Amino acid sequence: MSRNLVSLTDRMDKFRKRMNEKDPITGKTRYGPSTFARVGKMLDCYASLSMSIDICFTNEKKGLVLMLQEFCSAEEKKREEEKQKTEAQIQLAFKSKLMDEKIAAGNKIEAEMKEKAKLEADKAEVARLAEEARRQKMVIVEIERQEQDKQRVADLNFMNSVEKGEVGVKKQLAVLREESDDSKAHMQAITSLHTIFSQISSHPEEIKFRKIRRDHSKFQEDISRHQGGKELLIASGFRLTDVDGVACFYCKEPNIENDMDGWSDWFNLLKRTMELIEEDMMK
């Protein structure tokens, strides 16, 4: 660039020298007016160019280009630093995100393990409670079975203690009369017994007339509470048993097709009991 500038300076010097020369004969300038103006303009441009080059490159102070270059370098360095800083921030954020995800995953696993442990504990507790309930139920069932066995034994002993048939019925009617202090209560008992045997004699095929709930309040009030009342039922053919899970006095009808004689004896005893009750009512 400096060689080109020196070469251009030499040419400009020649143009400038020629502009100052005059024709020795005419005394006019070497260039005509038009050329003179163009050359002058060209020299002015060169002067401006030379000054600019001098400012940019040859001044003792830093030239503009160098300042621009340093500025660009500084900006480039700044951009590089910003880029590196941004990348570092991104990397840090990425690592932080990974760490957060790992922590969250760890917390999730820990929560799942705790939940699983809780479920296992709950399951074990439910199993324990179920086993405890089962054992308690077994104890209750066993107690109930023992009570039922005791009740069956007591019922069997009670039924075996009562004489059966017409003779037994007469004895219990006598006991019922003797043990009753209240004639009204005695008559109520006899009347209730007569109703029972009257219904069975009229409808021997109807089970509802041949079973009496032991805990029925009316039965207990009229018959069961009196000595001889329950016993009369046993003497006439009733038995203590469960019917559809309910404790009852039950008079079972023999199968008339398979045991005609048995059925006749059973029915005749019922009718005879009713007749004996009627005779007692007339006393």
Protein backbone atom coordinates (compact mmCIF):
# COMPACT_ATOMS: atom_id res chain seq x y z
CA MET A 1 0.00 0.00 0.00
CA SER A 2 2.88 2.39 0.84
CA ARG A 3 4.49 1.75 -2.60
CA ASN A 4 1.24 2.57 -4.33
CA LEU A 5 0.92 5.68 -2.22
CA VAL A 6 4.49 6.83 -3.11
CA SER A 7 3.85 6.21 -6.79
CA LEU A 8 0.61 8.14 -6.63
CA THR A 9 2.35 10.99 -4.78
CA ASP A 10 4.94 11.28 -7.54
CA ARG A 11 2.25 11.54 -10.15
CA MET A 12 0.34 14.13 -8.15
CA ASP A 13 3.54 16.16 -7.80
CA LYS A 14 3.95 16.11 -11.59
CA PHE A 15 0.35 17.23 -12.10
CA ARG A 16 0.77 19.96 -9.53
CA LYS A 17 4.08 21.13 -11.14
CA ARG A 18 2.53 21.18 -14.59
CA MET A 19 -0.42 23.17 -13.30
CA ASN A 20 2.00 25.87 -12.12
CA GLU A 21 3.94 25.96 -15.39
CA LYS A 22 3.11 28.60 -17.99
CA ASP A 23 3.75 28.76 -21.68
CA PRO A 24 6.86 31.02 -22.15
CA ILE A 25 5.38 32.53 -25.28
CA THR A 26 1.73 33.06 -24.39
CA GLY A 27 2.15 33.20 -20.59
CA LYS A 28 -0.89 30.98 -20.16
CA THR A 29 -1.08 27.77 -18.09
CA ARG A 30 -0.20 24.49 -19.71
CA TYR A 31 -3.75 23.18 -19.14
CA GLY A 32 -6.82 24.62 -20.62
CA PRO A 33 -9.51 25.89 -18.28
CA SER A 34 -11.48 22.65 -18.29
CA THR A 35 -8.45 20.40 -17.80
CA PHE A 36 -7.06 22.78 -15.23
CA ALA A 37 -10.27 22.48 -13.22
CA ARG A 38 -10.32 18.67 -13.45
CA VAL A 39 -6.68 18.37 -12.41
CA GLY A 40 -7.29 20.76 -9.51
CA LYS A 41 -10.21 18.70 -8.36
CA MET A 42 -8.15 15.53 -8.63
CA LEU A 43 -5.35 17.11 -6.55
CA ASP A 44 -7.88 18.12 -3.89
CA CYS A 45 -9.15 14.53 -3.74
CA TYR A 46 -5.63 13.26 -3.42
CA ALA A 47 -4.95 15.73 -0.61
CA SER A 48 -8.02 14.45 1.24
CA LEU A 49 -7.02 10.85 0.63
CA SER A 50 -3.49 11.51 1.76
CA MET A 51 -4.71 13.19 4.91
CA SER A 52 -7.04 10.28 5.69
CA ILE A 53 -4.31 7.74 5.13
CA ASP A 54 -2.02 9.76 7.33
CA ILE A 55 -4.63 9.84 10.10
CA CYS A 56 -5.29 6.13 9.82
CA PHE A 57 -1.81 4.75 9.34
CA THR A 58 1.00 7.20 9.65
CA ASN A 59 0.00 9.35 12.62
CA GLU A 60 2.16 8.96 15.71
CA LYS A 61 -0.99 8.18 17.61
CA LYS A 62 -2.91 5.03 16.87
CA GLY A 63 -4.65 5.10 13.60
CA LEU A 64 -8.39 4.78 13.22
CA VAL A 65 -8.12 1.38 11.56
CA LEU A 66 -6.01 0.08 14.40
CA MET A 67 -8.51 1.50 16.87
CA LEU A 68 -11.30 -0.17 14.96
CA GLN A 69 -9.34 -3.40 14.84
CA GLU A 70 -8.70 -3.26 18.59
CA PHE A 71 -12.34 -2.39 19.18
CA CYS A 72 -13.45 -5.31 17.02
CA SER A 73 -10.98 -7.60 18.79
CA ALA A 74 -12.26 -6.40 22.15
CA GLU A 75 -15.85 -6.92 21.04
CA GLU A 76 -14.98 -10.36 19.70
CA LYS A 77 -13.26 -11.21 22.95
CA LYS A 78 -16.25 -9.88 24.87
CA ARG A 79 -18.65 -11.92 22.74
CA GLU A 80 -16.47 -15.01 23.25
CA GLU A 81 -16.45 -14.44 26.98
CA GLU A 82 -20.22 -13.92 26.98
CA LYS A 83 -20.61 -17.07 24.90
CA GLN A 84 -18.43 -19.04 27.28
CA LYS A 85 -20.29 -17.58 30.25
CA THR A 86 -23.63 -18.45 28.64
CA GLU A 87 -22.42 -21.96 27.85
CA ALA A 88 -21.17 -22.31 31.40
CA GLN A 89 -24.54 -21.12 32.71
CA ILE A 90 -26.34 -23.53 30.41
CA GLN A 91 -24.04 -26.34 31.52
CA LEU A 92 -24.58 -25.38 35.14
CA ALA A 93 -28.34 -25.21 34.65
CA PHE A 94 -28.25 -28.59 32.89
CA LYS A 95 -26.25 -30.12 35.73
CA SER A 96 -28.58 -28.49 38.24
CA LYS A 97 -31.58 -29.88 36.37
CA LEU A 98 -30.01 -33.34 36.31
CA MET A 99 -29.31 -33.06 40.02
CA ASP A 100 -32.89 -31.93 40.68
CA GLU A 101 -34.19 -34.81 38.59
CA LYS A 102 -31.97 -37.26 40.48
CA ILE A 103 -33.14 -35.83 43.80
CA ALA A 104 -36.77 -35.96 42.64
CA ALA A 105 -36.31 -39.53 41.42
CA GLY A 106 -34.67 -40.45 44.73
CA ASN A 107 -37.48 -38.81 46.65
CA LYS A 108 -40.03 -40.65 44.51
CA ILE A 109 -38.32 -43.98 45.08
CA GLU A 110 -38.10 -43.24 48.80
CA ALA A 111 -41.80 -42.28 48.89
CA GLU A 112 -42.73 -45.41 46.95
CA MET A 113 -40.67 -47.54 49.31
CA LYS A 114 -42.33 -45.89 52.32
CA GLU A 115 -45.75 -46.39 50.74
CA LYS A 116 -44.91 -50.00 49.96
CA ALA A 117 -43.69 -50.52 53.50
CA LYS A 118 -46.86 -48.89 54.81
CA LEU A 119 -48.99 -51.11 52.59
CA GLU A 120 -47.08 -54.15 53.75
CA ALA A 121 -47.52 -53.04 57.35
CA ASP A 122 -51.21 -52.39 56.76
CA LYS A 123 -51.52 -55.75 55.04
CA ALA A 124 -49.82 -57.44 57.96
CA GLU A 125 -52.06 -55.57 60.40
CA VAL A 126 -55.16 -56.54 58.42
CA ALA A 127 -53.97 -60.14 58.38
CA ARG A 128 -53.33 -59.99 62.13
CA LEU A 129 -56.75 -58.50 62.80
CA ALA A 130 -58.38 -61.04 60.50
CA GLU A 131 -56.60 -63.87 62.29
CA GLU A 132 -57.58 -62.42 65.65
CA ALA A 133 -61.19 -62.07 64.49
CA ARG A 134 -61.11 -65.64 63.17
CA ARG A 135 -59.83 -66.93 66.50
CA GLN A 136 -62.38 -64.91 68.40
CA LYS A 137 -65.09 -66.26 66.12
CA MET A 138 -63.82 -69.78 66.71
CA VAL A 139 -63.94 -69.16 70.45
CA ILE A 140 -67.47 -67.80 70.17
CA VAL A 141 -68.53 -70.68 67.94
CA GLU A 142 -67.00 -73.13 70.39
CA ILE A 143 -68.73 -71.45 73.32
CA GLU A 144 -72.01 -71.50 71.43
CA ARG A 145 -71.48 -75.14 70.52
CA GLN A 146 -70.80 -76.01 74.12
CA GLU A 147 -73.87 -74.07 75.22
CA GLN A 148 -75.91 -75.85 72.58
CA ASP A 149 -74.54 -79.19 73.72
CA LYS A 150 -75.40 -78.32 77.31
CA GLN A 151 -78.85 -77.22 76.23
CA ARG A 152 -79.38 -80.44 74.24
CA VAL A 153 -78.27 -82.51 77.22
CA ALA A 154 -80.55 -80.50 79.51
CA ASP A 155 -83.42 -80.83 77.05
CA LEU A 156 -82.84 -84.56 76.71
CA ASN A 157 -82.72 -84.99 80.48
CA PHE A 158 -85.89 -82.93 80.80
CA MET A 159 -87.73 -84.98 78.18
CA ASN A 160 -86.53 -88.26 79.71
CA SER A 161 -87.75 -87.11 83.12
CA VAL A 162 -91.34 -86.84 81.88
CA GLU A 163 -93.55 -89.94 81.64
CA LYS A 164 -95.07 -90.26 78.18
CA GLY A 165 -98.59 -91.18 77.08
CA GLU A 166 -101.99 -90.79 78.67
CA VAL A 167 -100.69 -91.57 82.14
CA GLY A 168 -98.06 -88.85 81.84
CA VAL A 169 -100.63 -86.34 80.60
CA LYS A 170 -102.89 -87.04 83.60
CA LYS A 171 -99.96 -86.56 86.00
CA GLN A 172 -98.98 -83.22 84.50
CA LEU A 173 -102.57 -81.99 84.57
CA ALA A 174 -102.62 -82.82 88.26
CA VAL A 175 -99.30 -81.06 88.82
CA LEU A 176 -100.51 -78.04 86.91
CA ARG A 177 -103.62 -77.78 89.10
CA GLU A 178 -101.76 -78.41 92.34
CA GLU A 179 -98.96 -75.94 91.66
CA SER A 180 -101.21 -73.11 90.53
CA ASP A 181 -102.09 -70.73 93.37
CA ASP A 182 -104.17 -68.57 91.06
CA SER A 183 -107.26 -70.27 89.65
CA LYS A 184 -107.49 -67.66 86.91
CA ALA A 185 -103.91 -68.30 85.83
CA HIS A 186 -104.57 -72.06 85.95
CA MET A 187 -107.64 -71.69 83.77
CA GLN A 188 -105.66 -69.54 81.31
CA ALA A 189 -103.01 -72.28 81.07
CA ILE A 190 -105.60 -75.03 80.58
CA THR A 191 -107.45 -72.94 77.98
CA SER A 192 -104.24 -72.23 76.03
CA LEU A 193 -103.31 -75.94 76.08
CA HIS A 194 -106.80 -76.85 74.87
CA THR A 195 -106.45 -74.38 71.98
CA ILE A 196 -103.15 -75.98 70.92
CA PHE A 197 -104.49 -79.54 70.90
CA SER A 198 -107.79 -78.51 69.34
CA GLN A 199 -105.99 -76.90 66.38
CA ILE A 200 -103.70 -79.91 65.90
CA SER A 201 -106.62 -82.36 66.07
CA SER A 202 -108.52 -80.32 63.48
CA HIS A 203 -105.50 -79.80 61.20
CA PRO A 204 -102.87 -82.47 61.95
CA GLU A 205 -101.16 -81.85 58.61
CA GLU A 206 -100.43 -78.18 59.41
CA ILE A 207 -96.93 -77.76 60.83
CA LYS A 208 -97.68 -74.26 62.13
CA PHE A 209 -100.06 -75.75 64.71
CA ARG A 210 -97.54 -78.40 65.75
CA LYS A 211 -94.62 -76.11 66.62
CA ILE A 212 -94.41 -73.62 69.47
CA ARG A 213 -91.52 -71.21 69.91
CA ARG A 214 -89.97 -71.69 73.34
CA ASP A 215 -89.28 -67.95 73.70
CA HIS A 216 -92.75 -66.82 72.59
CA SER A 217 -93.98 -64.36 75.21
CA LYS A 218 -97.58 -65.58 75.11
CA PHE A 219 -96.50 -69.21 75.51
CA GLN A 220 -94.24 -68.34 78.42
CA GLU A 221 -96.93 -66.26 80.11
CA ASP A 222 -99.77 -68.78 79.73
CA ILE A 223 -98.06 -72.20 79.87
CA SER A 224 -94.30 -72.36 80.23
CA ARG A 225 -94.05 -70.55 83.56
CA HIS A 226 -96.40 -73.03 85.26
CA GLN A 227 -95.10 -76.30 86.67
CA GLY A 228 -96.62 -79.07 84.56
CA GLY A 229 -97.30 -76.92 81.49
CA LYS A 230 -94.21 -77.79 79.45
CA GLU A 231 -94.21 -81.29 80.87
CA LEU A 232 -97.74 -81.92 79.57
CA LEU A 233 -96.58 -81.11 76.06
CA ILE A 234 -93.72 -83.61 76.35
CA ALA A 235 -96.07 -86.27 77.76
CA SER A 236 -98.44 -85.81 74.80
CA GLY A 237 -95.78 -86.29 72.13
CA PHE A 238 -93.98 -82.92 71.75
CA ARG A 239 -90.18 -82.83 71.65
CA LEU A 240 -87.65 -80.04 72.29
CA THR A 241 -85.77 -79.34 69.04
CA ASP A 242 -84.74 -76.62 66.58
CA VAL A 243 -87.03 -75.88 63.65
CA ASP A 244 -85.40 -73.67 61.00
CA GLY A 245 -82.84 -72.61 63.62
CA VAL A 246 -85.47 -71.68 66.21
CA ALA A 247 -85.82 -73.54 69.53
CA CYS A 248 -89.31 -75.00 69.64
CA PHE A 249 -91.65 -77.52 71.20
CA TYR A 250 -92.39 -79.61 68.10
CA CYS A 251 -94.88 -82.41 67.58
CA LYS A 252 -93.71 -84.46 64.61
CA GLU A 253 -96.37 -86.19 62.54
CA PRO A 254 -95.50 -89.80 61.59
CA ASN A 255 -95.66 -90.71 57.91
CA ILE A 256 -99.18 -92.03 57.49
CA GLU A 257 -98.30 -93.93 54.31
CA ASN A 258 -95.36 -95.82 55.83
CA ASP A 259 -96.59 -96.14 59.41
CA MET A 260 -100.36 -96.15 59.70
CA ASP A 261 -100.31 -97.64 63.21
CA GLY A 262 -97.74 -95.13 64.42
CA TRP A 263 -99.74 -92.26 62.97
CA SER A 264 -102.93 -93.56 64.60
CA ASP A 265 -101.26 -93.85 68.03
CA TRP A 266 -99.85 -90.34 67.66
CA PHE A 267 -103.16 -88.81 66.64
CA ASN A 268 -105.16 -90.74 69.25
CA LEU A 269 -102.86 -89.48 72.03
CA LEU A 270 -103.36 -85.88 70.84
CA LYS A 271 -107.16 -86.32 70.86
CA ARG A 272 -107.06 -88.06 74.22
CA THR A 273 -104.96 -85.23 75.65
CA MET A 274 -107.52 -82.72 74.43
CA GLU A 275 -110.31 -84.79 76.06
CA LEU A 276 -108.38 -84.94 79.36
CA ILE A 277 -107.87 -81.16 79.26
CA GLU A 278 -111.59 -80.67 78.66
CA GLU A 279 -112.38 -82.94 81.61
CA ASP A 280 -110.00 -80.91 83.80
CA MET A 281 -111.67 -77.70 82.67
CA MET A 282 -115.01 -79.07 83.90
CA LYS A 283 -113.74 -79.61 87.44
